[in-house]
Amino acid sequence: MNRLVFLRSPLLAIVGGGGAFMSFWLASYVSGRSVCPFLILTGYPCPGCGGSRAVFYLFHGNVENAFFANAYVFFLLPYLLILFSWWVRSEYRGDGFPNFPQWTWLVLAGSAFLWFVFRLTSLGSAFVPA
């Protein structure tokens, strides 16, 4: 039992993040409307718009619909999985939460910005969720 104590923080993050994801997903599922504040205020889709549907489609094995709901998820999920495994490894070694290099956050922010701009162009308009 004591050997698994290192997983306490990552598991709490999974449970908390999963709970937050489910609450937003259920809210949009029940209401049938988007709960994205950026989309509601500006009328433009944020980089995450359609992400819940994409993950939902992936869980059900529908890769094509997931890709068109939000193709950014195909980059984001593996990237976050790598960062999460880095965190678990650091916890296992007893180092605590890892001090991620600055480039990891720059890649995340830069790719989200590029995805946002791409979806506003005529080429990316097919990837805007309906």
N, C-alpha and C. Protein backbone atom coordinates (compact mmCIF):
# COMPACT_ATOMS: atom_id res chain seq x y z
N MET A 1 0.82 -1.20 0.00
CA MET A 1 0.00 0.00 0.00
C MET A 1 0.86 1.26 0.00
N ASN A 2 1.91 1.29 0.82
CA ASN A 2 2.76 2.48 0.88
C ASN A 2 3.50 2.73 -0.41
N ARG A 3 3.68 1.70 -1.21
CA ARG A 3 4.39 1.88 -2.47
C ARG A 3 3.56 2.65 -3.48
N LEU A 4 2.25 2.70 -3.30
CA LEU A 4 1.38 3.40 -4.24
C LEU A 4 1.03 4.82 -3.80
N VAL A 5 1.61 5.27 -2.70
CA VAL A 5 1.33 6.62 -2.20
C VAL A 5 1.75 7.67 -3.23
N PHE A 6 2.78 7.37 -4.03
CA PHE A 6 3.26 8.33 -5.02
C PHE A 6 2.20 8.65 -6.06
N LEU A 7 1.20 7.82 -6.21
CA LEU A 7 0.15 8.06 -7.20
C LEU A 7 -1.00 8.91 -6.65
N ARG A 8 -0.93 9.29 -5.39
CA ARG A 8 -2.04 10.02 -4.78
C ARG A 8 -2.36 11.31 -5.53
N SER A 9 -1.38 12.16 -5.78
CA SER A 9 -1.64 13.44 -6.46
C SER A 9 -2.11 13.24 -7.89
N PRO A 10 -1.42 12.41 -8.71
CA PRO A 10 -1.94 12.21 -10.07
C PRO A 10 -3.34 11.62 -10.11
N LEU A 11 -3.65 10.71 -9.21
CA LEU A 11 -4.99 10.13 -9.20
C LEU A 11 -6.05 11.15 -8.80
N LEU A 12 -5.70 12.02 -7.85
CA LEU A 12 -6.63 13.08 -7.48
C LEU A 12 -6.86 14.03 -8.65
N ALA A 13 -5.81 14.29 -9.42
CA ALA A 13 -5.96 15.14 -10.60
C ALA A 13 -6.86 14.49 -11.63
N ILE A 14 -6.72 13.18 -11.82
CA ILE A 14 -7.58 12.47 -12.77
C ILE A 14 -9.03 12.52 -12.32
N VAL A 15 -9.27 12.27 -11.06
CA VAL A 15 -10.64 12.27 -10.55
C VAL A 15 -11.24 13.67 -10.64
N GLY A 16 -10.48 14.68 -10.23
CA GLY A 16 -10.98 16.05 -10.30
C GLY A 16 -11.21 16.52 -11.71
N GLY A 17 -10.24 16.24 -12.59
CA GLY A 17 -10.38 16.62 -13.99
C GLY A 17 -11.52 15.87 -14.67
N GLY A 18 -11.65 14.58 -14.33
CA GLY A 18 -12.74 13.79 -14.89
C GLY A 18 -14.09 14.30 -14.43
N GLY A 19 -14.17 14.69 -13.17
CA GLY A 19 -15.42 15.23 -12.64
C GLY A 19 -15.78 16.55 -13.31
N ALA A 20 -14.79 17.41 -13.52
CA ALA A 20 -15.04 18.68 -14.19
C ALA A 20 -15.47 18.44 -15.64
N PHE A 21 -14.78 17.52 -16.31
CA PHE A 21 -15.12 17.20 -17.70
C PHE A 21 -16.55 16.67 -17.78
N MET A 22 -16.91 15.77 -16.89
CA MET A 22 -18.25 15.19 -16.92
C MET A 22 -19.32 16.24 -16.63
N SER A 23 -19.03 17.18 -15.72
CA SER A 23 -20.04 18.19 -15.42
C SER A 23 -20.28 19.09 -16.62
N PHE A 24 -19.21 19.48 -17.34
CA PHE A 24 -19.39 20.30 -18.54
C PHE A 24 -20.05 19.49 -19.64
N TRP A 25 -19.64 18.24 -19.79
CA TRP A 25 -20.23 17.41 -20.84
C TRP A 25 -21.71 17.18 -20.58
N LEU A 26 -22.07 16.89 -19.34
CA LEU A 26 -23.48 16.67 -19.01
C LEU A 26 -24.28 17.95 -19.18
N ALA A 27 -23.68 19.09 -18.82
CA ALA A 27 -24.40 20.35 -18.97
C ALA A 27 -24.69 20.63 -20.44
N SER A 28 -23.72 20.37 -21.31
CA SER A 28 -23.97 20.61 -22.73
C SER A 28 -24.88 19.54 -23.32
N TYR A 29 -24.80 18.33 -22.81
CA TYR A 29 -25.65 17.24 -23.31
C TYR A 29 -27.11 17.49 -22.96
N VAL A 30 -27.36 17.90 -21.72
CA VAL A 30 -28.74 18.11 -21.27
C VAL A 30 -29.35 19.34 -21.93
N SER A 31 -28.57 20.43 -22.01
CA SER A 31 -29.12 21.66 -22.57
C SER A 31 -29.11 21.67 -24.09
N GLY A 32 -28.19 20.89 -24.69
CA GLY A 32 -28.08 20.88 -26.14
C GLY A 32 -27.36 22.09 -26.69
N ARG A 33 -26.83 22.93 -25.80
CA ARG A 33 -26.12 24.14 -26.21
C ARG A 33 -24.68 24.06 -25.73
N SER A 34 -23.86 24.88 -26.34
CA SER A 34 -22.46 24.95 -25.94
C SER A 34 -22.34 25.67 -24.59
N VAL A 35 -21.42 25.20 -23.78
CA VAL A 35 -21.16 25.87 -22.50
C VAL A 35 -19.84 26.62 -22.56
N CYS A 36 -19.29 26.82 -23.75
CA CYS A 36 -18.02 27.52 -23.91
C CYS A 36 -18.26 29.02 -23.76
N PRO A 37 -17.70 29.64 -22.72
CA PRO A 37 -17.93 31.08 -22.54
C PRO A 37 -17.34 31.92 -23.67
N PHE A 38 -16.22 31.48 -24.24
CA PHE A 38 -15.61 32.23 -25.34
C PHE A 38 -16.53 32.24 -26.56
N LEU A 39 -17.11 31.10 -26.89
CA LEU A 39 -18.03 31.02 -28.02
C LEU A 39 -19.30 31.83 -27.76
N ILE A 40 -19.81 31.78 -26.55
CA ILE A 40 -21.02 32.52 -26.22
C ILE A 40 -20.78 34.02 -26.30
N LEU A 41 -19.62 34.49 -25.82
CA LEU A 41 -19.34 35.93 -25.79
C LEU A 41 -18.90 36.49 -27.13
N THR A 42 -18.11 35.74 -27.89
CA THR A 42 -17.54 36.29 -29.12
C THR A 42 -18.16 35.74 -30.40
N GLY A 43 -18.74 34.54 -30.34
CA GLY A 43 -19.25 33.91 -31.54
C GLY A 43 -18.20 33.13 -32.30
N TYR A 44 -16.96 33.15 -31.82
CA TYR A 44 -15.86 32.40 -32.45
C TYR A 44 -15.56 31.16 -31.61
N PRO A 45 -15.28 30.04 -32.26
CA PRO A 45 -14.95 28.83 -31.50
C PRO A 45 -13.55 28.92 -30.90
N CYS A 46 -13.42 28.57 -29.65
CA CYS A 46 -12.11 28.52 -29.02
C CYS A 46 -11.40 27.23 -29.46
N PRO A 47 -10.12 27.07 -29.17
CA PRO A 47 -9.42 25.85 -29.58
C PRO A 47 -10.03 24.58 -29.00
N GLY A 48 -10.72 24.69 -27.88
CA GLY A 48 -11.30 23.50 -27.25
C GLY A 48 -12.71 23.19 -27.66
N CYS A 49 -13.35 24.09 -28.42
CA CYS A 49 -14.73 23.85 -28.84
C CYS A 49 -14.83 22.56 -29.64
N GLY A 50 -15.73 21.70 -29.23
CA GLY A 50 -15.89 20.40 -29.87
C GLY A 50 -15.02 19.33 -29.24
N GLY A 51 -14.17 19.70 -28.29
CA GLY A 51 -13.28 18.74 -27.65
C GLY A 51 -14.01 17.68 -26.85
N SER A 52 -15.06 18.07 -26.17
CA SER A 52 -15.84 17.09 -25.40
C SER A 52 -16.47 16.07 -26.33
N ARG A 53 -17.02 16.57 -27.43
CA ARG A 53 -17.62 15.64 -28.40
C ARG A 53 -16.56 14.75 -29.03
N ALA A 54 -15.38 15.31 -29.29
CA ALA A 54 -14.31 14.50 -29.88
C ALA A 54 -13.89 13.37 -28.95
N VAL A 55 -13.74 13.67 -27.67
CA VAL A 55 -13.37 12.63 -26.70
C VAL A 55 -14.50 11.62 -26.59
N PHE A 56 -15.73 12.08 -26.58
CA PHE A 56 -16.89 11.19 -26.53
C PHE A 56 -16.87 10.24 -27.73
N TYR A 57 -16.65 10.79 -28.93
CA TYR A 57 -16.60 9.95 -30.13
C TYR A 57 -15.44 8.97 -30.08
N LEU A 58 -14.28 9.41 -29.57
CA LEU A 58 -13.13 8.50 -29.46
C LEU A 58 -13.43 7.35 -28.52
N PHE A 59 -14.09 7.64 -27.40
CA PHE A 59 -14.45 6.58 -26.45
C PHE A 59 -15.40 5.57 -27.08
N HIS A 60 -16.17 6.00 -28.07
CA HIS A 60 -17.10 5.10 -28.74
C HIS A 60 -16.54 4.56 -30.05
N GLY A 61 -15.27 4.82 -30.33
CA GLY A 61 -14.61 4.26 -31.49
C GLY A 61 -14.91 4.94 -32.81
N ASN A 62 -15.52 6.12 -32.77
CA ASN A 62 -15.88 6.84 -33.98
C ASN A 62 -14.80 7.90 -34.27
N VAL A 63 -13.72 7.47 -34.90
CA VAL A 63 -12.55 8.33 -35.10
C VAL A 63 -12.86 9.46 -36.09
N GLU A 64 -13.62 9.17 -37.12
CA GLU A 64 -13.91 10.20 -38.13
C GLU A 64 -14.69 11.37 -37.53
N ASN A 65 -15.75 11.07 -36.79
CA ASN A 65 -16.51 12.16 -36.16
C ASN A 65 -15.68 12.88 -35.12
N ALA A 66 -14.83 12.15 -34.42
CA ALA A 66 -13.95 12.79 -33.43
C ALA A 66 -13.01 13.77 -34.12
N PHE A 67 -12.48 13.38 -35.27
CA PHE A 67 -11.56 14.25 -36.00
C PHE A 67 -12.25 15.53 -36.43
N PHE A 68 -13.49 15.43 -36.92
CA PHE A 68 -14.18 16.63 -37.37
C PHE A 68 -14.81 17.42 -36.22
N ALA A 69 -15.00 16.81 -35.08
CA ALA A 69 -15.50 17.56 -33.92
C ALA A 69 -14.40 18.48 -33.40
N ASN A 70 -13.18 17.96 -33.28
CA ASN A 70 -12.03 18.78 -32.89
C ASN A 70 -10.76 17.97 -33.13
N ALA A 71 -10.10 18.24 -34.24
CA ALA A 71 -8.89 17.50 -34.61
C ALA A 71 -7.74 17.81 -33.67
N TYR A 72 -7.80 18.92 -32.96
CA TYR A 72 -6.74 19.29 -32.02
C TYR A 72 -6.61 18.26 -30.91
N VAL A 73 -7.67 17.54 -30.61
CA VAL A 73 -7.65 16.51 -29.58
C VAL A 73 -6.65 15.42 -29.92
N PHE A 74 -6.44 15.15 -31.22
CA PHE A 74 -5.50 14.12 -31.63
C PHE A 74 -4.05 14.51 -31.33
N PHE A 75 -3.78 15.80 -31.20
CA PHE A 75 -2.47 16.26 -30.73
C PHE A 75 -2.46 16.39 -29.22
N LEU A 76 -3.53 16.94 -28.68
CA LEU A 76 -3.56 17.28 -27.27
C LEU A 76 -3.54 16.08 -26.33
N LEU A 77 -4.33 15.06 -26.63
CA LEU A 77 -4.39 13.90 -25.73
C LEU A 77 -3.05 13.18 -25.58
N PRO A 78 -2.34 12.86 -26.67
CA PRO A 78 -1.03 12.23 -26.48
C PRO A 78 -0.03 13.14 -25.78
N TYR A 79 -0.09 14.44 -26.08
CA TYR A 79 0.81 15.40 -25.44
C TYR A 79 0.57 15.44 -23.93
N LEU A 80 -0.70 15.53 -23.54
CA LEU A 80 -1.02 15.54 -22.11
C LEU A 80 -0.71 14.21 -21.44
N LEU A 81 -0.85 13.12 -22.17
CA LEU A 81 -0.48 11.81 -21.63
C LEU A 81 1.01 11.73 -21.35
N ILE A 82 1.82 12.29 -22.23
CA ILE A 82 3.26 12.33 -22.01
C ILE A 82 3.59 13.17 -20.78
N LEU A 83 2.97 14.35 -20.67
CA LEU A 83 3.22 15.20 -19.49
C LEU A 83 2.75 14.52 -18.21
N PHE A 84 1.62 13.81 -18.29
CA PHE A 84 1.11 13.11 -17.11
C PHE A 84 2.05 11.99 -16.70
N SER A 85 2.58 11.23 -17.67
CA SER A 85 3.51 10.16 -17.32
C SER A 85 4.80 10.73 -16.76
N TRP A 86 5.20 11.90 -17.22
CA TRP A 86 6.36 12.59 -16.66
C TRP A 86 6.09 12.93 -15.19
N TRP A 87 4.89 13.38 -14.90
CA TRP A 87 4.50 13.72 -13.53
C TRP A 87 4.52 12.47 -12.65
N VAL A 88 3.93 11.37 -13.14
CA VAL A 88 3.91 10.12 -12.35
C VAL A 88 5.32 9.64 -12.08
N ARG A 89 6.19 9.73 -13.08
CA ARG A 89 7.58 9.31 -12.89
C ARG A 89 8.26 10.16 -11.83
N SER A 90 8.03 11.46 -11.84
CA SER A 90 8.62 12.34 -10.83
C SER A 90 8.09 12.03 -9.44
N GLU A 91 6.79 11.76 -9.34
CA GLU A 91 6.22 11.39 -8.05
C GLU A 91 6.79 10.06 -7.56
N TYR A 92 6.98 9.12 -8.47
CA TYR A 92 7.53 7.81 -8.11
C TYR A 92 8.95 7.95 -7.58
N ARG A 93 9.72 8.84 -8.17
CA ARG A 93 11.10 9.07 -7.72
C ARG A 93 11.17 9.89 -6.44
N GLY A 94 10.05 10.47 -6.03
CA GLY A 94 10.03 11.27 -4.81
C GLY A 94 10.38 12.73 -5.04
N ASP A 95 10.39 13.17 -6.30
CA ASP A 95 10.75 14.55 -6.62
C ASP A 95 9.57 15.51 -6.49
N GLY A 96 8.36 14.99 -6.32
CA GLY A 96 7.18 15.83 -6.26
C GLY A 96 6.75 16.25 -7.65
N PHE A 97 5.96 17.32 -7.72
CA PHE A 97 5.48 17.80 -9.01
C PHE A 97 6.66 18.27 -9.84
N PRO A 98 6.76 17.82 -11.09
CA PRO A 98 7.93 18.17 -11.89
C PRO A 98 7.92 19.63 -12.32
N ASN A 99 9.09 20.16 -12.46
CA ASN A 99 9.24 21.51 -12.98
C ASN A 99 9.41 21.38 -14.49
N PHE A 100 8.27 21.40 -15.20
CA PHE A 100 8.30 21.21 -16.65
C PHE A 100 9.08 22.34 -17.30
N PRO A 101 9.89 22.03 -18.31
CA PRO A 101 10.59 23.09 -19.03
C PRO A 101 9.61 24.06 -19.67
N GLN A 102 10.06 25.27 -19.90
CA GLN A 102 9.19 26.30 -20.45
C GLN A 102 8.69 25.92 -21.84
N TRP A 103 9.46 25.17 -22.60
CA TRP A 103 9.04 24.83 -23.96
C TRP A 103 7.77 23.98 -23.96
N THR A 104 7.52 23.20 -22.89
CA THR A 104 6.31 22.38 -22.88
C THR A 104 5.06 23.25 -22.89
N TRP A 105 5.10 24.34 -22.12
CA TRP A 105 3.95 25.25 -22.07
C TRP A 105 3.87 26.09 -23.34
N LEU A 106 5.03 26.43 -23.92
CA LEU A 106 5.02 27.19 -25.17
C LEU A 106 4.44 26.35 -26.32
N VAL A 107 4.77 25.08 -26.35
CA VAL A 107 4.21 24.20 -27.38
C VAL A 107 2.70 24.10 -27.21
N LEU A 108 2.25 23.96 -25.98
CA LEU A 108 0.81 23.86 -25.72
C LEU A 108 0.09 25.15 -26.11
N ALA A 109 0.59 26.29 -25.66
CA ALA A 109 -0.05 27.57 -25.97
C ALA A 109 0.05 27.91 -27.45
N GLY A 110 1.21 27.67 -28.05
CA GLY A 110 1.40 27.98 -29.46
C GLY A 110 0.54 27.12 -30.36
N SER A 111 0.44 25.84 -30.05
CA SER A 111 -0.38 24.97 -30.88
C SER A 111 -1.86 25.31 -30.74
N ALA A 112 -2.30 25.68 -29.54
CA ALA A 112 -3.69 26.08 -29.35
C ALA A 112 -4.00 27.35 -30.13
N PHE A 113 -3.06 28.30 -30.11
CA PHE A 113 -3.27 29.54 -30.87
C PHE A 113 -3.31 29.26 -32.37
N LEU A 114 -2.40 28.42 -32.86
CA LEU A 114 -2.40 28.08 -34.29
C LEU A 114 -3.68 27.36 -34.70
N TRP A 115 -4.16 26.47 -33.84
CA TRP A 115 -5.42 25.77 -34.13
C TRP A 115 -6.59 26.75 -34.17
N PHE A 116 -6.60 27.70 -33.24
CA PHE A 116 -7.65 28.72 -33.20
C PHE A 116 -7.65 29.52 -34.50
N VAL A 117 -6.48 29.98 -34.94
CA VAL A 117 -6.39 30.78 -36.16
C VAL A 117 -6.76 29.94 -37.38
N PHE A 118 -6.29 28.69 -37.43
CA PHE A 118 -6.59 27.82 -38.58
C PHE A 118 -8.09 27.63 -38.73
N ARG A 119 -8.80 27.45 -37.64
CA ARG A 119 -10.25 27.22 -37.74
C ARG A 119 -11.00 28.45 -38.20
N LEU A 120 -10.40 29.63 -38.10
CA LEU A 120 -11.04 30.85 -38.57
C LEU A 120 -10.83 31.07 -40.06
N THR A 121 -9.90 30.34 -40.68
CA THR A 121 -9.66 30.49 -42.10
C THR A 121 -10.66 29.64 -42.91
N SER A 122 -10.67 29.87 -44.22
CA SER A 122 -11.58 29.10 -45.05
C SER A 122 -11.18 27.63 -45.11
N LEU A 123 -9.89 27.33 -44.99
CA LEU A 123 -9.44 25.94 -44.98
C LEU A 123 -9.90 25.19 -43.72
N GLY A 124 -9.92 25.88 -42.61
CA GLY A 124 -10.27 25.25 -41.35
C GLY A 124 -11.73 25.32 -40.99
N SER A 125 -12.54 25.94 -41.84
CA SER A 125 -13.96 26.08 -41.49
C SER A 125 -14.68 24.75 -41.39
N ALA A 126 -14.16 23.72 -42.03
CA ALA A 126 -14.78 22.39 -41.94
C ALA A 126 -14.60 21.79 -40.56
N PHE A 127 -13.67 22.31 -39.80
CA PHE A 127 -13.37 21.77 -38.48
C PHE A 127 -14.05 22.53 -37.34
N VAL A 128 -14.93 23.48 -37.68
CA VAL A 128 -15.67 24.20 -36.66
C VAL A 128 -16.89 23.38 -36.30
N PRO A 129 -17.07 23.06 -35.01
CA PRO A 129 -18.23 22.22 -34.64
C PRO A 129 -19.54 22.95 -34.91
N ALA A 130 -20.51 22.19 -35.31
CA ALA A 130 -21.83 22.77 -35.63
C ALA A 130 -22.63 23.04 -34.37
